[in-house]
Amino acid sequence: MDYKVYIYILIAGLVSSLIRVVPTFIIRTPIKNQFIKSFLFYVPYVTLAAMTFPAIVEATQSPVAGIIALVVGIVISWFGAGLLPVAGVTCLIVFVTEWILGF
């Protein structure tokens, strides 16, 4: 049996834990710098966008369908539509676009 796999899993677990635990020991006082506070506020949104936008285009049969759905989703969410209507409309847009393109 190859025990290297268990060592790799242990190291990955330690690194993941350290990333979460070390900042709590380093930063003990509240952050007062407005730039750092705003930076930390937007980090989750940027990370989610960086993971989501490429997947929107690549998850469809045609990248054109994904791009059209992305644009339509941004437009209807800009006008105040919630998550469920945006998801439903974009799925419908992908379905119709791929049907028209013949995929």
N, C-alpha and C. Protein backbone atom coordinates (compact mmCIF):
# COMPACT_ATOMS: atom_id res chain seq x y z
N MET A 1 0.85 -1.19 0.00
CA MET A 1 0.00 0.00 0.00
C MET A 1 0.89 1.24 0.00
N ASP A 2 0.48 2.21 -0.78
CA ASP A 2 1.27 3.43 -0.92
C ASP A 2 0.83 4.45 0.14
N TYR A 3 1.73 4.70 1.11
CA TYR A 3 1.40 5.61 2.19
C TYR A 3 1.66 7.07 1.84
N LYS A 4 2.23 7.34 0.68
CA LYS A 4 2.49 8.72 0.28
C LYS A 4 1.19 9.51 0.13
N VAL A 5 0.14 8.84 -0.29
CA VAL A 5 -1.15 9.52 -0.46
C VAL A 5 -1.62 10.10 0.87
N TYR A 6 -1.46 9.36 1.94
CA TYR A 6 -1.88 9.85 3.26
C TYR A 6 -1.04 11.04 3.70
N ILE A 7 0.22 11.02 3.37
CA ILE A 7 1.10 12.15 3.70
C ILE A 7 0.66 13.39 2.91
N TYR A 8 0.33 13.22 1.64
CA TYR A 8 -0.13 14.35 0.82
C TYR A 8 -1.44 14.92 1.36
N ILE A 9 -2.35 14.04 1.76
CA ILE A 9 -3.63 14.49 2.31
C ILE A 9 -3.40 15.24 3.62
N LEU A 10 -2.50 14.75 4.45
CA LEU A 10 -2.19 15.41 5.71
C LEU A 10 -1.59 16.80 5.47
N ILE A 11 -0.67 16.90 4.53
CA ILE A 11 -0.05 18.19 4.22
C ILE A 11 -1.09 19.16 3.66
N ALA A 12 -1.96 18.69 2.79
CA ALA A 12 -3.01 19.55 2.23
C ALA A 12 -3.95 20.04 3.33
N GLY A 13 -4.28 19.17 4.26
CA GLY A 13 -5.14 19.56 5.38
C GLY A 13 -4.48 20.58 6.28
N LEU A 14 -3.20 20.40 6.53
CA LEU A 14 -2.46 21.36 7.37
C LEU A 14 -2.37 22.73 6.70
N VAL A 15 -2.07 22.74 5.42
CA VAL A 15 -1.98 24.01 4.71
C VAL A 15 -3.33 24.72 4.69
N SER A 16 -4.41 23.97 4.45
CA SER A 16 -5.74 24.57 4.44
C SER A 16 -6.10 25.13 5.82
N SER A 17 -5.74 24.42 6.86
CA SER A 17 -6.02 24.89 8.21
C SER A 17 -5.20 26.12 8.55
N LEU A 18 -3.93 26.11 8.18
CA LEU A 18 -3.08 27.26 8.48
C LEU A 18 -3.57 28.54 7.80
N ILE A 19 -4.07 28.41 6.58
CA ILE A 19 -4.59 29.58 5.87
C ILE A 19 -5.74 30.21 6.64
N ARG A 20 -6.51 29.41 7.34
CA ARG A 20 -7.66 29.93 8.07
C ARG A 20 -7.30 30.35 9.50
N VAL A 21 -6.32 29.70 10.11
CA VAL A 21 -6.03 29.93 11.52
C VAL A 21 -5.01 31.06 11.72
N VAL A 22 -4.01 31.14 10.89
CA VAL A 22 -2.93 32.12 11.09
C VAL A 22 -3.43 33.56 11.13
N PRO A 23 -4.35 33.98 10.26
CA PRO A 23 -4.82 35.38 10.36
C PRO A 23 -5.46 35.72 11.69
N THR A 24 -6.09 34.76 12.35
CA THR A 24 -6.70 35.07 13.65
C THR A 24 -5.65 35.34 14.72
N PHE A 25 -4.46 34.78 14.57
CA PHE A 25 -3.39 35.04 15.52
C PHE A 25 -2.61 36.31 15.18
N ILE A 26 -2.54 36.65 13.92
CA ILE A 26 -1.78 37.83 13.49
C ILE A 26 -2.59 39.10 13.73
N ILE A 27 -3.87 39.08 13.36
CA ILE A 27 -4.70 40.27 13.45
C ILE A 27 -5.62 40.13 14.66
N ARG A 28 -5.26 40.81 15.74
CA ARG A 28 -6.06 40.71 16.96
C ARG A 28 -6.92 41.96 17.19
N THR A 29 -6.56 43.06 16.57
CA THR A 29 -7.35 44.28 16.74
C THR A 29 -8.23 44.49 15.51
N PRO A 30 -9.29 45.24 15.66
CA PRO A 30 -10.13 45.53 14.49
C PRO A 30 -9.35 46.30 13.42
N ILE A 31 -9.65 46.02 12.16
CA ILE A 31 -8.98 46.69 11.06
C ILE A 31 -9.60 48.07 10.89
N LYS A 32 -8.75 49.11 10.92
CA LYS A 32 -9.25 50.48 10.80
C LYS A 32 -8.95 51.09 9.44
N ASN A 33 -8.04 50.51 8.70
CA ASN A 33 -7.69 51.05 7.39
C ASN A 33 -8.85 50.80 6.43
N GLN A 34 -9.38 51.89 5.85
CA GLN A 34 -10.55 51.77 4.98
C GLN A 34 -10.25 51.00 3.70
N PHE A 35 -9.03 51.16 3.16
CA PHE A 35 -8.65 50.45 1.94
C PHE A 35 -8.64 48.94 2.18
N ILE A 36 -8.04 48.51 3.27
CA ILE A 36 -7.96 47.07 3.57
C ILE A 36 -9.35 46.52 3.86
N LYS A 37 -10.18 47.28 4.57
CA LYS A 37 -11.54 46.82 4.85
C LYS A 37 -12.34 46.64 3.56
N SER A 38 -12.24 47.61 2.65
CA SER A 38 -12.99 47.47 1.40
C SER A 38 -12.42 46.36 0.54
N PHE A 39 -11.09 46.18 0.56
CA PHE A 39 -10.46 45.08 -0.17
C PHE A 39 -10.98 43.74 0.34
N LEU A 40 -10.98 43.55 1.64
CA LEU A 40 -11.44 42.29 2.22
C LEU A 40 -12.94 42.09 2.02
N PHE A 41 -13.69 43.17 1.91
CA PHE A 41 -15.12 43.06 1.66
C PHE A 41 -15.39 42.49 0.28
N TYR A 42 -14.61 42.90 -0.72
CA TYR A 42 -14.88 42.49 -2.10
C TYR A 42 -14.16 41.21 -2.53
N VAL A 43 -13.26 40.67 -1.74
CA VAL A 43 -12.53 39.45 -2.11
C VAL A 43 -13.46 38.28 -2.40
N PRO A 44 -14.47 37.99 -1.58
CA PRO A 44 -15.35 36.86 -1.92
C PRO A 44 -16.09 37.04 -3.24
N TYR A 45 -16.51 38.27 -3.54
CA TYR A 45 -17.23 38.51 -4.80
C TYR A 45 -16.32 38.33 -6.01
N VAL A 46 -15.10 38.80 -5.89
CA VAL A 46 -14.14 38.67 -7.00
C VAL A 46 -13.80 37.20 -7.23
N THR A 47 -13.60 36.47 -6.14
CA THR A 47 -13.28 35.05 -6.26
C THR A 47 -14.44 34.28 -6.89
N LEU A 48 -15.65 34.57 -6.46
CA LEU A 48 -16.82 33.91 -7.05
C LEU A 48 -16.96 34.25 -8.52
N ALA A 49 -16.74 35.50 -8.87
CA ALA A 49 -16.84 35.91 -10.27
C ALA A 49 -15.77 35.23 -11.11
N ALA A 50 -14.56 35.14 -10.58
CA ALA A 50 -13.46 34.51 -11.33
C ALA A 50 -13.73 33.03 -11.58
N MET A 51 -14.45 32.38 -10.68
CA MET A 51 -14.78 30.97 -10.88
C MET A 51 -16.04 30.79 -11.73
N THR A 52 -16.98 31.72 -11.64
CA THR A 52 -18.28 31.55 -12.28
C THR A 52 -18.29 31.95 -13.74
N PHE A 53 -17.72 33.09 -14.09
CA PHE A 53 -17.84 33.58 -15.45
C PHE A 53 -17.24 32.65 -16.50
N PRO A 54 -16.07 32.08 -16.30
CA PRO A 54 -15.59 31.11 -17.30
C PRO A 54 -16.48 29.87 -17.39
N ALA A 55 -17.03 29.45 -16.26
CA ALA A 55 -17.89 28.26 -16.27
C ALA A 55 -19.19 28.52 -17.01
N ILE A 56 -19.69 29.75 -16.96
CA ILE A 56 -20.93 30.08 -17.67
C ILE A 56 -20.75 29.87 -19.16
N VAL A 57 -19.62 30.28 -19.67
CA VAL A 57 -19.38 30.17 -21.12
C VAL A 57 -19.04 28.73 -21.51
N GLU A 58 -18.28 28.02 -20.67
CA GLU A 58 -17.81 26.69 -21.03
C GLU A 58 -18.80 25.58 -20.72
N ALA A 59 -19.83 25.84 -19.91
CA ALA A 59 -20.76 24.78 -19.51
C ALA A 59 -21.78 24.47 -20.59
N THR A 60 -21.93 25.35 -21.55
CA THR A 60 -22.93 25.14 -22.60
C THR A 60 -22.29 24.44 -23.80
N GLN A 61 -23.15 23.95 -24.69
CA GLN A 61 -22.65 23.31 -25.91
C GLN A 61 -21.97 24.33 -26.82
N SER A 62 -22.48 25.54 -26.78
CA SER A 62 -21.95 26.61 -27.62
C SER A 62 -21.56 27.79 -26.73
N PRO A 63 -20.34 28.29 -26.85
CA PRO A 63 -19.96 29.46 -26.05
C PRO A 63 -20.83 30.68 -26.36
N VAL A 64 -21.37 30.75 -27.56
CA VAL A 64 -22.25 31.87 -27.92
C VAL A 64 -23.49 31.86 -27.03
N ALA A 65 -24.06 30.69 -26.79
CA ALA A 65 -25.24 30.59 -25.93
C ALA A 65 -24.91 31.03 -24.51
N GLY A 66 -23.75 30.66 -24.01
CA GLY A 66 -23.35 31.08 -22.68
C GLY A 66 -23.15 32.58 -22.58
N ILE A 67 -22.55 33.17 -23.60
CA ILE A 67 -22.30 34.62 -23.59
C ILE A 67 -23.62 35.38 -23.66
N ILE A 68 -24.53 34.93 -24.51
CA ILE A 68 -25.84 35.59 -24.62
C ILE A 68 -26.59 35.48 -23.29
N ALA A 69 -26.57 34.31 -22.67
CA ALA A 69 -27.25 34.14 -21.38
C ALA A 69 -26.61 35.00 -20.31
N LEU A 70 -25.29 35.12 -20.34
CA LEU A 70 -24.58 35.96 -19.37
C LEU A 70 -25.01 37.41 -19.51
N VAL A 71 -25.05 37.90 -20.72
CA VAL A 71 -25.44 39.30 -20.95
C VAL A 71 -26.89 39.53 -20.54
N VAL A 72 -27.78 38.62 -20.92
CA VAL A 72 -29.19 38.77 -20.55
C VAL A 72 -29.35 38.69 -19.03
N GLY A 73 -28.62 37.79 -18.38
CA GLY A 73 -28.69 37.68 -16.93
C GLY A 73 -28.21 38.93 -16.22
N ILE A 74 -27.13 39.53 -16.72
CA ILE A 74 -26.64 40.77 -16.14
C ILE A 74 -27.65 41.89 -16.31
N VAL A 75 -28.26 41.96 -17.49
CA VAL A 75 -29.22 43.04 -17.76
C VAL A 75 -30.46 42.91 -16.87
N ILE A 76 -31.03 41.70 -16.77
CA ILE A 76 -32.26 41.58 -15.97
C ILE A 76 -31.98 41.69 -14.47
N SER A 77 -30.79 41.28 -14.04
CA SER A 77 -30.45 41.47 -12.63
C SER A 77 -30.17 42.94 -12.34
N TRP A 78 -29.66 43.67 -13.31
CA TRP A 78 -29.42 45.10 -13.14
C TRP A 78 -30.74 45.83 -12.89
N PHE A 79 -31.81 45.34 -13.50
CA PHE A 79 -33.12 45.96 -13.33
C PHE A 79 -33.88 45.39 -12.13
N GLY A 80 -33.23 44.64 -11.27
CA GLY A 80 -33.82 44.24 -10.00
C GLY A 80 -34.39 42.85 -9.92
N ALA A 81 -34.18 42.01 -10.91
CA ALA A 81 -34.70 40.64 -10.83
C ALA A 81 -33.91 39.85 -9.79
N GLY A 82 -34.57 38.94 -9.12
CA GLY A 82 -33.93 38.13 -8.10
C GLY A 82 -33.16 36.96 -8.70
N LEU A 83 -32.59 36.16 -7.82
CA LEU A 83 -31.75 35.04 -8.25
C LEU A 83 -32.53 33.99 -9.02
N LEU A 84 -33.70 33.62 -8.53
CA LEU A 84 -34.47 32.58 -9.20
C LEU A 84 -34.95 33.00 -10.60
N PRO A 85 -35.50 34.19 -10.76
CA PRO A 85 -35.87 34.60 -12.13
C PRO A 85 -34.68 34.71 -13.07
N VAL A 86 -33.55 35.20 -12.58
CA VAL A 86 -32.36 35.32 -13.43
C VAL A 86 -31.89 33.94 -13.86
N ALA A 87 -31.85 32.99 -12.91
CA ALA A 87 -31.43 31.63 -13.25
C ALA A 87 -32.38 30.99 -14.24
N GLY A 88 -33.68 31.17 -14.04
CA GLY A 88 -34.65 30.59 -14.95
C GLY A 88 -34.58 31.17 -16.35
N VAL A 89 -34.46 32.49 -16.44
CA VAL A 89 -34.39 33.14 -17.75
C VAL A 89 -33.11 32.77 -18.47
N THR A 90 -32.00 32.74 -17.76
CA THR A 90 -30.74 32.39 -18.44
C THR A 90 -30.73 30.94 -18.90
N CYS A 91 -31.32 30.04 -18.12
CA CYS A 91 -31.43 28.64 -18.59
C CYS A 91 -32.30 28.56 -19.83
N LEU A 92 -33.38 29.31 -19.84
CA LEU A 92 -34.26 29.33 -21.01
C LEU A 92 -33.53 29.92 -22.22
N ILE A 93 -32.75 30.97 -22.01
CA ILE A 93 -31.99 31.59 -23.09
C ILE A 93 -30.99 30.59 -23.68
N VAL A 94 -30.30 29.85 -22.82
CA VAL A 94 -29.35 28.85 -23.32
C VAL A 94 -30.08 27.77 -24.10
N PHE A 95 -31.20 27.29 -23.58
CA PHE A 95 -31.96 26.26 -24.27
C PHE A 95 -32.41 26.72 -25.66
N VAL A 96 -32.98 27.91 -25.72
CA VAL A 96 -33.50 28.44 -27.00
C VAL A 96 -32.35 28.72 -27.96
N THR A 97 -31.28 29.31 -27.46
CA THR A 97 -30.13 29.63 -28.33
C THR A 97 -29.50 28.37 -28.91
N GLU A 98 -29.32 27.36 -28.09
CA GLU A 98 -28.74 26.11 -28.60
C GLU A 98 -29.71 25.39 -29.52
N TRP A 99 -31.00 25.52 -29.30
CA TRP A 99 -32.00 24.93 -30.20
C TRP A 99 -31.95 25.62 -31.56
N ILE A 100 -31.83 26.96 -31.55
CA ILE A 100 -31.76 27.71 -32.79
C ILE A 100 -30.47 27.41 -33.54
N LEU A 101 -29.35 27.30 -32.80
CA LEU A 101 -28.07 27.02 -33.45
C LEU A 101 -27.92 25.57 -33.87
N GLY A 102 -28.81 24.69 -33.38
CA GLY A 102 -28.80 23.30 -33.81
C GLY A 102 -27.88 22.39 -33.01
N PHE A 103 -27.66 22.71 -31.74
CA PHE A 103 -26.81 21.84 -30.92
C PHE A 103 -27.62 20.82 -30.20
